[in-house]
N, C-alpha and C. Protein backbone atom coordinates (compact mmCIF):
# COMPACT_ATOMS: atom_id res chain seq x y z
N MET A 1 17.33 7.72 12.42
CA MET A 1 17.83 8.18 11.10
C MET A 1 17.38 10.25 11.25
N SER A 2 18.58 10.35 10.87
CA SER A 2 18.69 12.26 11.61
C SER A 2 17.42 12.80 10.78
N VAL A 3 17.92 13.80 11.13
CA VAL A 3 16.98 15.25 10.67
C VAL A 3 17.75 15.64 8.88
N THR A 4 18.38 15.06 8.61
CA THR A 4 19.40 16.04 7.49
C THR A 4 18.33 14.63 6.49
N GLN A 5 18.66 13.26 7.06
CA GLN A 5 17.94 12.20 6.37
C GLN A 5 16.41 12.71 5.54
N PHE A 6 15.23 13.23 6.52
CA PHE A 6 14.03 13.09 6.34
C PHE A 6 13.74 13.92 4.73
N PRO A 7 14.44 15.14 3.70
CA PRO A 7 13.78 15.83 2.73
C PRO A 7 14.04 14.50 1.70
N ALA A 8 15.75 13.25 1.97
CA ALA A 8 15.29 12.57 1.20
C ALA A 8 14.46 10.72 1.07
N VAL A 9 14.25 11.18 2.67
CA VAL A 9 12.98 10.04 2.57
C VAL A 9 11.54 10.53 1.98
N GLU A 10 11.21 11.91 1.91
CA GLU A 10 10.49 12.29 1.49
C GLU A 10 10.22 12.27 0.07
N THR A 11 11.09 12.23 -0.42
CA THR A 11 11.65 12.51 -2.42
C THR A 11 11.61 10.51 -2.97
N GLY A 12 12.24 10.00 -1.65
CA GLY A 12 11.44 8.58 -2.62
C GLY A 12 10.41 7.66 -2.80
N TRP A 13 9.58 8.81 -1.34
CA TRP A 13 8.23 8.11 -1.55
C TRP A 13 7.49 8.98 -2.56
N SER A 14 7.85 9.94 -2.61
CA SER A 14 7.25 10.99 -3.63
C SER A 14 7.27 10.23 -4.98
N ASN A 15 8.88 9.80 -5.20
CA ASN A 15 8.51 9.05 -7.02
C ASN A 15 8.83 7.85 -6.55
N GLU A 16 8.04 6.96 -5.09
CA GLU A 16 7.46 5.76 -6.02
C GLU A 16 5.90 5.69 -6.31
N ILE A 17 5.12 7.03 -5.58
CA ILE A 17 3.95 7.34 -5.72
C ILE A 17 3.99 7.64 -7.23
N LEU A 18 5.03 8.70 -7.91
CA LEU A 18 4.68 8.38 -9.34
C LEU A 18 4.95 7.16 -10.07
N ALA A 19 5.74 6.85 -10.19
CA ALA A 19 5.71 5.45 -10.76
C ALA A 19 5.04 4.52 -10.69
N SER A 20 4.75 5.18 -9.62
CA SER A 20 2.74 3.60 -9.76
C SER A 20 1.99 4.65 -10.36
N SER A 21 1.41 5.65 -10.42
CA SER A 21 1.12 6.27 -10.82
C SER A 21 1.47 6.49 -12.52
N GLN A 22 3.03 6.62 -12.76
CA GLN A 22 2.58 6.26 -14.23
C GLN A 22 1.97 5.19 -15.29
N ILE A 23 2.28 4.02 -13.92
CA ILE A 23 1.94 2.57 -14.57
C ILE A 23 0.95 2.60 -14.60
N ALA A 24 0.16 3.17 -13.96
CA ALA A 24 -1.47 2.92 -13.93
C ALA A 24 -1.84 4.11 -15.25
N ALA A 25 -1.77 4.91 -15.66
CA ALA A 25 -1.79 5.64 -16.20
C ALA A 25 -1.69 4.74 -18.10
N ARG A 26 -0.54 4.26 -17.87
CA ARG A 26 0.20 3.37 -18.78
C ARG A 26 -1.13 2.39 -19.13
N SER A 27 -1.61 1.39 -17.92
CA SER A 27 -2.29 0.66 -17.88
C SER A 27 -4.09 0.95 -18.30
N GLN A 28 -4.10 2.20 -17.84
CA GLN A 28 -5.87 2.55 -18.35
C GLN A 28 -5.92 2.93 -20.20
N SER A 29 -4.53 2.75 -20.94
CA SER A 29 -4.43 2.95 -22.29
C SER A 29 -5.03 1.96 -22.70
N SER A 30 -5.44 0.59 -22.31
CA SER A 30 -5.21 -0.62 -22.23
C SER A 30 -7.22 -0.58 -22.63
N LEU A 31 -7.48 0.38 -22.26
CA LEU A 31 -9.56 0.46 -21.68
C LEU A 31 -9.70 0.61 -23.21
N SER A 32 -8.90 1.66 -24.45
CA SER A 32 -9.21 1.75 -25.69
C SER A 32 -9.33 0.14 -26.47
N ASP A 33 -7.99 -0.35 -25.75
CA ASP A 33 -8.01 -2.13 -26.60
C ASP A 33 -9.60 -2.75 -26.57
N THR A 34 -9.62 -1.94 -24.45
CA THR A 34 -10.59 -3.19 -24.58
C THR A 34 -11.98 -2.59 -25.49
N GLN A 35 -12.39 -1.69 -26.13
CA GLN A 35 -12.90 -1.05 -27.34
C GLN A 35 -12.76 -1.99 -28.32
N ALA A 36 -12.02 -2.41 -28.97
CA ALA A 36 -11.44 -3.03 -30.40
C ALA A 36 -12.11 -4.44 -29.58
N LEU A 37 -11.95 -5.02 -28.47
CA LEU A 37 -12.23 -6.19 -28.84
C LEU A 37 -13.81 -6.69 -27.96
N THR A 38 -14.48 -4.95 -27.60
CA THR A 38 -15.88 -5.18 -27.79
C THR A 38 -16.24 -5.33 -29.14
N ASP A 39 -15.85 -4.78 -30.04
CA ASP A 39 -16.21 -4.89 -31.44
C ASP A 39 -16.27 -6.41 -32.63
N ALA A 40 -14.84 -6.46 -31.64
CA ALA A 40 -14.72 -7.95 -32.64
C ALA A 40 -15.86 -9.15 -31.70
N ALA A 41 -16.12 -8.98 -30.80
CA ALA A 41 -16.63 -10.11 -29.62
C ALA A 41 -18.00 -9.64 -30.76
N ALA A 42 -19.35 -8.70 -30.50
CA ALA A 42 -19.69 -8.35 -31.87
C ALA A 42 -19.98 -8.50 -33.06
N GLN A 43 -18.84 -8.42 -33.31
CA GLN A 43 -19.02 -9.77 -34.92
C GLN A 43 -18.61 -10.49 -34.99
N ILE A 44 -18.45 -10.96 -33.93
CA ILE A 44 -18.24 -12.66 -33.94
C ILE A 44 -19.90 -13.17 -33.65
N LEU A 45 -20.26 -12.93 -32.72
CA LEU A 45 -21.80 -13.00 -33.16
C LEU A 45 -22.42 -12.69 -33.73
N SER A 46 -22.56 -11.84 -34.90
CA SER A 46 -23.01 -11.49 -35.86
C SER A 46 -23.01 -13.24 -36.56
N TYR A 47 -21.57 -13.28 -36.68
CA TYR A 47 -21.76 -13.92 -37.51
C TYR A 47 -21.62 -15.46 -37.72
N LEU A 48 -22.22 -16.05 -35.51
CA LEU A 48 -22.84 -17.04 -34.94
C LEU A 48 -23.69 -17.41 -35.88
N GLY A 49 -24.65 -15.76 -35.74
CA GLY A 49 -26.69 -17.03 -36.29
C GLY A 49 -26.17 -17.00 -37.91
N SER A 50 -24.74 -16.96 -38.32
CA SER A 50 -24.89 -16.80 -40.01
C SER A 50 -24.35 -18.42 -40.66
N ALA A 51 -23.72 -18.58 -39.61
CA ALA A 51 -22.86 -20.37 -39.31
C ALA A 51 -23.80 -21.30 -39.68
N ASP A 52 -23.23 -21.76 -41.01
CA ASP A 52 -24.14 -23.36 -40.88
C ASP A 52 -24.12 -24.29 -40.52
N SER A 53 -22.78 -24.84 -40.27
CA SER A 53 -22.42 -26.20 -39.76
C SER A 53 -21.89 -26.27 -38.32
N THR A 54 -22.22 -26.76 -37.34
CA THR A 54 -22.17 -27.36 -36.20
C THR A 54 -20.45 -26.56 -35.89
N VAL A 55 -19.75 -27.48 -37.05
CA VAL A 55 -17.54 -26.55 -36.72
C VAL A 55 -18.09 -25.77 -36.93
N ALA A 56 -18.14 -24.57 -37.57
CA ALA A 56 -18.19 -23.33 -37.94
C ALA A 56 -18.56 -22.36 -36.29
N GLN A 57 -19.60 -23.05 -36.23
CA GLN A 57 -20.59 -22.05 -34.97
C GLN A 57 -19.48 -22.21 -33.69
N LEU A 58 -19.04 -23.67 -33.70
CA LEU A 58 -18.06 -24.48 -32.61
C LEU A 58 -17.05 -23.08 -32.31
N GLN A 59 -15.89 -23.08 -33.58
CA GLN A 59 -15.38 -22.62 -33.95
C GLN A 59 -15.03 -20.72 -33.48
N LEU A 60 -16.69 -19.79 -33.80
CA LEU A 60 -17.19 -18.85 -33.29
C LEU A 60 -17.21 -18.94 -32.44
N VAL A 61 -17.45 -19.49 -31.33
CA VAL A 61 -17.47 -19.96 -29.42
C VAL A 61 -16.02 -19.69 -29.47
N THR A 62 -15.08 -20.56 -29.84
CA THR A 62 -13.58 -20.76 -29.42
C THR A 62 -12.95 -19.02 -29.52
N GLN A 63 -13.80 -18.35 -30.50
CA GLN A 63 -13.20 -16.97 -30.83
C GLN A 63 -13.33 -16.08 -29.82
N MET A 64 -14.93 -16.49 -29.41
CA MET A 64 -15.47 -15.66 -28.14
C MET A 64 -14.91 -15.54 -27.29
N LEU A 65 -14.82 -17.11 -26.76
CA LEU A 65 -13.97 -17.74 -25.30
C LEU A 65 -12.88 -16.83 -25.33
N GLY A 66 -11.40 -16.70 -26.35
CA GLY A 66 -10.50 -15.63 -26.66
C GLY A 66 -11.08 -14.58 -26.36
N VAL A 67 -11.11 -13.90 -26.61
CA VAL A 67 -12.19 -12.63 -26.72
C VAL A 67 -12.69 -12.04 -25.33
N VAL A 68 -12.67 -12.63 -25.20
CA VAL A 68 -13.20 -12.95 -23.43
C VAL A 68 -11.80 -12.82 -22.53
N SER A 69 -11.64 -14.05 -23.02
CA SER A 69 -10.48 -14.46 -21.90
C SER A 69 -9.01 -12.75 -22.02
N GLN A 70 -8.51 -12.16 -23.14
CA GLN A 70 -8.64 -11.03 -23.78
C GLN A 70 -8.72 -10.19 -22.44
N GLN A 71 -10.02 -9.99 -22.42
CA GLN A 71 -11.23 -9.03 -21.66
C GLN A 71 -10.49 -8.86 -19.97
N MET A 72 -10.98 -10.31 -19.95
CA MET A 72 -10.60 -10.91 -18.44
C MET A 72 -9.18 -10.62 -17.46
N THR A 73 -8.21 -10.56 -18.67
CA THR A 73 -7.02 -10.55 -18.69
C THR A 73 -6.16 -8.38 -18.03
N MET A 74 -6.90 -7.84 -19.36
CA MET A 74 -6.41 -6.67 -18.95
C MET A 74 -7.30 -6.35 -18.02
N LEU A 75 -8.58 -6.82 -17.78
CA LEU A 75 -9.22 -6.33 -16.80
C LEU A 75 -8.63 -6.26 -15.34
N VAL A 76 -8.23 -7.67 -15.42
CA VAL A 76 -7.54 -8.30 -13.86
C VAL A 76 -5.93 -7.45 -13.17
N GLN A 77 -5.50 -6.93 -14.74
CA GLN A 77 -4.08 -5.78 -15.08
C GLN A 77 -4.05 -4.50 -14.28
N ASN A 78 -5.44 -3.87 -14.48
CA ASN A 78 -6.42 -2.81 -14.45
C ASN A 78 -6.10 -2.61 -13.11
N LEU A 79 -7.39 -3.68 -12.57
CA LEU A 79 -7.23 -3.96 -11.08
C LEU A 79 -6.04 -3.89 -10.31
N ALA A 80 -5.47 -4.82 -10.05
CA ALA A 80 -4.00 -4.80 -9.87
C ALA A 80 -3.08 -3.68 -9.63
N THR A 81 -2.88 -3.13 -10.83
CA THR A 81 -2.28 -1.24 -11.34
C THR A 81 -3.17 -0.46 -10.18
N THR A 82 -4.14 -0.28 -9.65
CA THR A 82 -4.76 0.63 -9.75
C THR A 82 -4.87 0.06 -7.99
N GLY A 83 -4.79 -0.70 -7.53
CA GLY A 83 -4.62 -1.43 -6.68
C GLY A 83 -3.41 -1.01 -5.57
N ARG A 84 -2.09 -1.15 -7.01
CA ARG A 84 -0.84 -1.19 -6.38
C ARG A 84 -0.65 0.78 -6.32
N ALA A 85 -1.42 1.68 -6.89
CA ALA A 85 -1.20 2.58 -6.90
C ALA A 85 -2.07 3.40 -5.49
N MET A 86 -3.14 2.88 -5.28
CA MET A 86 -3.68 2.66 -3.99
C MET A 86 -2.77 2.53 -2.71
N VAL A 87 -1.58 1.83 -2.47
CA VAL A 87 -1.65 1.47 -1.32
C VAL A 87 -0.33 2.10 -1.70
N GLU A 88 0.57 2.32 -2.86
CA GLU A 88 1.57 3.26 -2.44
C GLU A 88 1.05 4.81 -1.60
N THR A 89 0.52 4.97 -2.25
CA THR A 89 -0.49 6.47 -1.86
C THR A 89 -0.50 5.47 -0.26
N GLY A 90 -1.41 5.06 -0.25
CA GLY A 90 -1.50 5.73 1.43
C GLY A 90 -0.48 4.99 1.77
N ALA A 91 0.65 3.60 2.36
CA ALA A 91 1.63 3.67 2.69
C ALA A 91 3.09 5.08 2.82
N SER A 92 2.60 6.12 1.34
CA SER A 92 3.08 7.57 1.43
C SER A 92 2.74 7.98 2.73
N THR A 93 1.60 7.89 2.73
CA THR A 93 0.55 9.49 3.56
C THR A 93 0.47 8.75 4.97
N ALA A 94 0.82 7.27 5.41
CA ALA A 94 0.80 7.50 6.63
C ALA A 94 2.43 7.42 6.56
N SER A 95 3.93 6.36 5.93
CA SER A 95 4.89 7.23 6.49
C SER A 95 5.14 9.13 6.61
N GLU A 96 4.47 9.32 5.63
CA GLU A 96 4.74 11.41 5.90
C GLU A 96 4.16 11.72 7.94
N GLN A 97 2.88 11.13 7.62
CA GLN A 97 2.12 11.59 9.06
C GLN A 97 3.40 11.55 9.91
N GLN A 98 3.67 9.61 10.38
CA GLN A 98 4.67 9.68 10.93
C GLN A 98 5.73 10.29 11.04
N LEU A 99 6.70 10.91 10.03
CA LEU A 99 7.81 11.32 10.14
C LEU A 99 7.47 12.81 10.33
N SER A 100 6.24 13.36 9.61
CA SER A 100 6.24 14.97 10.36
C SER A 100 5.81 14.64 12.18
N THR A 101 5.15 13.37 13.04
CA THR A 101 4.66 13.29 13.78
C THR A 101 6.36 13.07 14.96
N GLU A 102 7.30 12.39 14.53
CA GLU A 102 9.06 12.10 14.25
C GLU A 102 9.52 13.82 14.71
N ARG A 103 9.38 14.20 13.20
CA ARG A 103 9.86 15.15 13.41
C ARG A 103 9.42 16.33 14.13
N LYS A 104 8.35 16.84 14.69
CA LYS A 104 7.62 18.00 15.50
C LYS A 104 8.29 17.19 17.56
N ARG A 105 8.53 15.56 17.85
CA ARG A 105 8.78 15.39 18.51
C ARG A 105 10.76 15.61 18.73
N ARG A 106 10.95 15.23 17.92
CA ARG A 106 12.55 15.86 17.24
C ARG A 106 12.74 17.59 18.43
N ASN A 107 12.51 17.96 17.69
CA ASN A 107 12.02 19.52 17.77
C ASN A 107 11.43 20.19 18.96
N ARG A 108 11.63 18.97 19.93
CA ARG A 108 10.42 19.89 21.35
C ARG A 108 11.38 19.12 22.66
N VAL A 109 11.41 17.87 21.47
CA VAL A 109 13.08 17.31 23.07
C VAL A 109 13.76 17.94 23.36
N ASP A 110 14.53 18.99 23.36
CA ASP A 110 15.38 19.52 23.95
C ASP A 110 15.18 20.60 25.11
N TYR A 111 13.46 21.72 24.40
CA TYR A 111 13.49 22.84 24.16
C TYR A 111 13.08 23.35 26.07
N THR A 112 13.36 23.87 26.38
CA THR A 112 13.48 23.99 27.73
C THR A 112 13.57 25.43 28.42
N SER A 113 13.62 26.21 27.61
CA SER A 113 13.59 27.72 27.70
C SER A 113 11.93 27.71 27.28
N ARG A 114 11.51 28.38 28.81
CA ARG A 114 9.81 29.04 28.79
C ARG A 114 9.77 30.68 28.26
N GLY A 115 10.97 31.13 28.39
CA GLY A 115 10.98 32.57 27.85
C GLY A 115 11.24 33.14 29.32
N ASN A 116 10.87 34.44 29.57
CA ASN A 116 10.97 35.94 30.52
C ASN A 116 9.54 35.61 31.41
N PRO A 117 9.31 35.47 32.59
CA PRO A 117 8.89 35.47 33.59
C PRO A 117 7.81 36.55 32.41
N VAL A 118 6.27 36.02 33.39
CA VAL A 118 5.57 37.10 32.83
C VAL A 118 5.11 37.75 33.86
N ASN A 119 4.95 38.73 33.84
CA ASN A 119 4.62 39.82 34.93
C ASN A 119 3.07 39.85 35.26
N VAL A 120 2.49 40.16 36.50
CA VAL A 120 1.55 39.80 37.11
C VAL A 120 1.44 41.62 38.25
N PRO A 121 0.49 41.67 38.07
CA PRO A 121 0.51 43.36 38.41
C PRO A 121 -0.51 43.16 39.44
N SER A 122 -0.41 43.56 41.13
CA SER A 122 -0.30 43.06 42.40
C SER A 122 -1.80 43.85 42.27
N THR A 123 -1.73 45.21 41.83
CA THR A 123 -3.05 45.59 41.36
C THR A 123 -3.17 46.26 40.65
N MET A 124 -4.88 47.17 39.46
CA MET A 124 -5.47 47.06 39.06
C MET A 124 -4.81 48.50 38.53
N PRO A 125 -4.64 48.59 37.31
CA PRO A 125 -4.10 50.00 37.10
C PRO A 125 -5.67 51.30 36.81
């Protein structure tokens, strides 16, 4: 890879991090849905105590299982999205460090001039 390609590569990494962060932000908005599901679960539990028949209780338990399943699905999605954002950031940071190291090495590879020799006085002034 030539030195002129480095900025384009860095821009690509930044865009990937931005995209994963935006996805993570959108997934965090589902946390408001969690509150609605929690309220629904509380309502189901309040109905469960007043249910007269076994069939009614089983229906409420089934509804509760559906709410719990939705909450677990949202949790898994949030964790997966957060993990993706962290991996993207970590990979980008590691790649930027490698790119910086390579840039420094290439800058020094053909550097042979040590400058003018330093005059060392033979006697003290």
